[in-house]
Amino acid sequence: MSIEIRRSTLLVALGIFAIFMVAVSIAVPALALKNYFNCTTKAANKNGKLSADDVSTCYYKVFVGARKYYVNESRTLS
């Protein structure tokens, strides 16, 4: 028993997959950047000014700190 796949069906499926991958690769960094700006804005509004420590804290919390969720826990983070 053989499964016959039409070429047009395969191209449509690959096209949908490619569009999905491009959308995800654009949306995920944009969400991280939005979270970073929200964090710095909250820090600035809380104290009335934004310090370098506030920026570093937000950077670590959003970008560096989030890396542990996306890599294997057994590997060391560099």
N, C-alpha and C. Protein backbone atom coordinates (compact mmCIF):
# COMPACT_ATOMS: atom_id res chain seq x y z
N MET A 1 0.85 -1.18 0.00
CA MET A 1 0.00 0.00 0.00
C MET A 1 0.89 1.23 0.00
N SER A 2 0.74 2.06 -0.98
CA SER A 2 1.56 3.27 -1.07
C SER A 2 0.67 4.50 -0.89
N ILE A 3 1.26 5.49 -0.31
CA ILE A 3 0.54 6.75 -0.09
C ILE A 3 0.98 7.71 -1.18
N GLU A 4 0.02 8.23 -1.86
CA GLU A 4 0.31 9.15 -2.96
C GLU A 4 0.04 10.57 -2.48
N ILE A 5 1.04 11.42 -2.55
CA ILE A 5 0.91 12.81 -2.15
C ILE A 5 1.06 13.67 -3.39
N ARG A 6 0.11 14.49 -3.61
CA ARG A 6 0.18 15.38 -4.76
C ARG A 6 1.22 16.45 -4.52
N ARG A 7 1.85 16.85 -5.58
CA ARG A 7 2.90 17.87 -5.50
C ARG A 7 2.32 19.20 -4.99
N SER A 8 1.14 19.55 -5.46
CA SER A 8 0.54 20.83 -5.04
C SER A 8 0.21 20.81 -3.54
N THR A 9 -0.23 19.67 -3.03
CA THR A 9 -0.53 19.55 -1.61
C THR A 9 0.73 19.70 -0.77
N LEU A 10 1.80 19.07 -1.25
CA LEU A 10 3.07 19.17 -0.55
C LEU A 10 3.60 20.61 -0.55
N LEU A 11 3.48 21.30 -1.66
CA LEU A 11 3.94 22.69 -1.74
C LEU A 11 3.12 23.61 -0.84
N VAL A 12 1.83 23.38 -0.77
CA VAL A 12 0.97 24.18 0.11
C VAL A 12 1.35 23.95 1.57
N ALA A 13 1.57 22.69 1.94
CA ALA A 13 1.96 22.38 3.32
C ALA A 13 3.31 23.01 3.67
N LEU A 14 4.26 22.91 2.77
CA LEU A 14 5.57 23.53 3.01
C LEU A 14 5.47 25.04 3.08
N GLY A 15 4.62 25.63 2.26
CA GLY A 15 4.42 27.08 2.30
C GLY A 15 3.82 27.55 3.61
N ILE A 16 2.83 26.83 4.09
CA ILE A 16 2.20 27.18 5.37
C ILE A 16 3.21 27.04 6.50
N PHE A 17 4.01 25.99 6.47
CA PHE A 17 5.04 25.80 7.48
C PHE A 17 6.07 26.93 7.44
N ALA A 18 6.49 27.34 6.26
CA ALA A 18 7.47 28.42 6.12
C ALA A 18 6.91 29.74 6.64
N ILE A 19 5.67 30.03 6.33
CA ILE A 19 5.04 31.26 6.82
C ILE A 19 4.94 31.23 8.35
N PHE A 20 4.59 30.10 8.91
CA PHE A 20 4.52 29.97 10.36
C PHE A 20 5.88 30.19 11.01
N MET A 21 6.93 29.62 10.45
CA MET A 21 8.26 29.77 11.02
C MET A 21 8.74 31.22 10.95
N VAL A 22 8.46 31.92 9.87
CA VAL A 22 8.84 33.33 9.76
C VAL A 22 8.07 34.16 10.79
N ALA A 23 6.80 33.88 10.94
CA ALA A 23 5.99 34.63 11.92
C ALA A 23 6.50 34.42 13.33
N VAL A 24 6.84 33.19 13.68
CA VAL A 24 7.35 32.91 15.03
C VAL A 24 8.71 33.57 15.23
N SER A 25 9.57 33.53 14.23
CA SER A 25 10.90 34.12 14.39
C SER A 25 10.86 35.64 14.51
N ILE A 26 9.82 36.25 14.05
CA ILE A 26 9.67 37.71 14.20
C ILE A 26 8.96 38.05 15.51
N ALA A 27 7.96 37.27 15.90
CA ALA A 27 7.14 37.60 17.06
C ALA A 27 7.86 37.39 18.38
N VAL A 28 8.64 36.34 18.53
CA VAL A 28 9.27 36.04 19.81
C VAL A 28 10.26 37.13 20.23
N PRO A 29 11.19 37.58 19.37
CA PRO A 29 12.07 38.68 19.79
C PRO A 29 11.30 39.98 20.07
N ALA A 30 10.24 40.22 19.32
CA ALA A 30 9.46 41.44 19.54
C ALA A 30 8.79 41.40 20.91
N LEU A 31 8.32 40.25 21.34
CA LEU A 31 7.70 40.13 22.66
C LEU A 31 8.73 40.33 23.77
N ALA A 32 9.94 39.80 23.57
CA ALA A 32 10.99 40.00 24.58
C ALA A 32 11.34 41.48 24.69
N LEU A 33 11.44 42.16 23.56
CA LEU A 33 11.76 43.59 23.58
C LEU A 33 10.65 44.39 24.24
N LYS A 34 9.40 44.02 23.98
CA LYS A 34 8.26 44.69 24.63
C LYS A 34 8.33 44.51 26.14
N ASN A 35 8.64 43.30 26.59
CA ASN A 35 8.75 43.05 28.04
C ASN A 35 9.88 43.86 28.66
N TYR A 36 10.99 43.99 27.93
CA TYR A 36 12.12 44.78 28.43
C TYR A 36 11.73 46.25 28.57
N PHE A 37 11.09 46.81 27.55
CA PHE A 37 10.67 48.21 27.63
C PHE A 37 9.64 48.43 28.73
N ASN A 38 8.73 47.47 28.91
CA ASN A 38 7.76 47.58 29.99
C ASN A 38 8.44 47.57 31.36
N CYS A 39 9.45 46.73 31.51
CA CYS A 39 10.18 46.65 32.78
C CYS A 39 10.91 47.97 33.07
N THR A 40 11.58 48.52 32.07
CA THR A 40 12.30 49.78 32.30
C THR A 40 11.34 50.93 32.55
N THR A 41 10.19 50.91 31.90
CA THR A 41 9.19 51.96 32.12
C THR A 41 8.64 51.89 33.54
N LYS A 42 8.36 50.67 34.02
CA LYS A 42 7.87 50.53 35.39
C LYS A 42 8.91 50.99 36.41
N ALA A 43 10.18 50.67 36.15
CA ALA A 43 11.25 51.10 37.06
C ALA A 43 11.38 52.61 37.06
N ALA A 44 11.27 53.23 35.90
CA ALA A 44 11.38 54.69 35.81
C ALA A 44 10.20 55.38 36.48
N ASN A 45 9.03 54.84 36.31
CA ASN A 45 7.84 55.45 36.92
C ASN A 45 7.81 55.26 38.44
N LYS A 46 8.41 54.17 38.92
CA LYS A 46 8.41 53.91 40.36
C LYS A 46 9.27 54.93 41.11
N ASN A 47 10.45 55.23 40.59
CA ASN A 47 11.38 56.12 41.28
C ASN A 47 11.40 57.54 40.73
N GLY A 48 10.80 57.76 39.60
CA GLY A 48 10.83 59.08 38.99
C GLY A 48 12.05 59.28 38.10
N LYS A 49 12.96 58.34 38.09
CA LYS A 49 14.11 58.39 37.19
C LYS A 49 14.59 56.97 36.95
N LEU A 50 15.34 56.80 35.88
CA LEU A 50 15.82 55.48 35.49
C LEU A 50 17.33 55.42 35.69
N SER A 51 17.76 54.49 36.51
CA SER A 51 19.19 54.36 36.77
C SER A 51 19.77 53.21 35.95
N ALA A 52 21.09 53.16 35.90
CA ALA A 52 21.77 52.08 35.19
C ALA A 52 21.52 50.74 35.86
N ASP A 53 21.35 50.74 37.17
CA ASP A 53 21.03 49.50 37.89
C ASP A 53 19.66 48.97 37.50
N ASP A 54 18.69 49.87 37.32
CA ASP A 54 17.36 49.46 36.88
C ASP A 54 17.42 48.82 35.49
N VAL A 55 18.19 49.43 34.61
CA VAL A 55 18.33 48.90 33.25
C VAL A 55 19.00 47.53 33.28
N SER A 56 20.03 47.38 34.08
CA SER A 56 20.73 46.10 34.18
C SER A 56 19.83 45.03 34.76
N THR A 57 19.04 45.38 35.76
CA THR A 57 18.11 44.43 36.36
C THR A 57 17.08 43.96 35.34
N CYS A 58 16.53 44.88 34.58
CA CYS A 58 15.54 44.51 33.57
C CYS A 58 16.18 43.68 32.46
N TYR A 59 17.38 44.02 32.06
CA TYR A 59 18.06 43.26 31.02
C TYR A 59 18.29 41.82 31.48
N TYR A 60 18.75 41.67 32.71
CA TYR A 60 19.01 40.31 33.21
C TYR A 60 17.71 39.53 33.34
N LYS A 61 16.66 40.19 33.83
CA LYS A 61 15.40 39.50 34.05
C LYS A 61 14.75 39.06 32.74
N VAL A 62 14.82 39.88 31.70
CA VAL A 62 14.12 39.57 30.46
C VAL A 62 14.97 38.75 29.51
N PHE A 63 16.20 39.15 29.28
CA PHE A 63 17.00 38.48 28.25
C PHE A 63 17.91 37.40 28.81
N VAL A 64 18.76 37.71 29.75
CA VAL A 64 19.72 36.75 30.26
C VAL A 64 19.05 35.72 31.16
N GLY A 65 18.19 36.16 32.03
CA GLY A 65 17.53 35.26 32.95
C GLY A 65 16.58 34.30 32.26
N ALA A 66 16.01 34.71 31.15
CA ALA A 66 15.07 33.85 30.43
C ALA A 66 15.76 32.73 29.68
N ARG A 67 17.06 32.82 29.49
CA ARG A 67 17.77 31.78 28.74
C ARG A 67 17.72 30.43 29.41
N LYS A 68 17.61 30.39 30.72
CA LYS A 68 17.61 29.10 31.42
C LYS A 68 16.38 28.27 31.07
N TYR A 69 15.32 28.91 30.61
CA TYR A 69 14.12 28.18 30.24
C TYR A 69 14.20 27.60 28.83
N TYR A 70 15.15 28.07 28.04
CA TYR A 70 15.23 27.63 26.66
C TYR A 70 16.41 26.73 26.37
N VAL A 71 17.28 26.50 27.34
CA VAL A 71 18.40 25.58 27.15
C VAL A 71 18.26 24.42 28.13
N ASN A 72 18.99 23.39 27.87
CA ASN A 72 18.95 22.22 28.73
C ASN A 72 19.50 22.59 30.11
N GLU A 73 18.83 22.18 31.14
CA GLU A 73 19.23 22.53 32.50
C GLU A 73 20.60 21.95 32.87
N SER A 74 21.02 20.87 32.21
CA SER A 74 22.29 20.25 32.56
C SER A 74 23.49 21.01 32.00
N ARG A 75 23.26 21.83 30.99
CA ARG A 75 24.36 22.61 30.42
C ARG A 75 24.57 23.89 31.23
N THR A 76 25.80 24.35 31.27
CA THR A 76 26.06 25.61 31.96
C THR A 76 25.81 26.76 31.01
N LEU A 77 25.31 27.84 31.55
CA LEU A 77 25.05 29.03 30.73
C LEU A 77 26.32 29.84 30.62
N SER A 78 26.57 30.32 29.45
CA SER A 78 27.77 31.17 29.26
C SER A 78 27.37 32.60 29.02
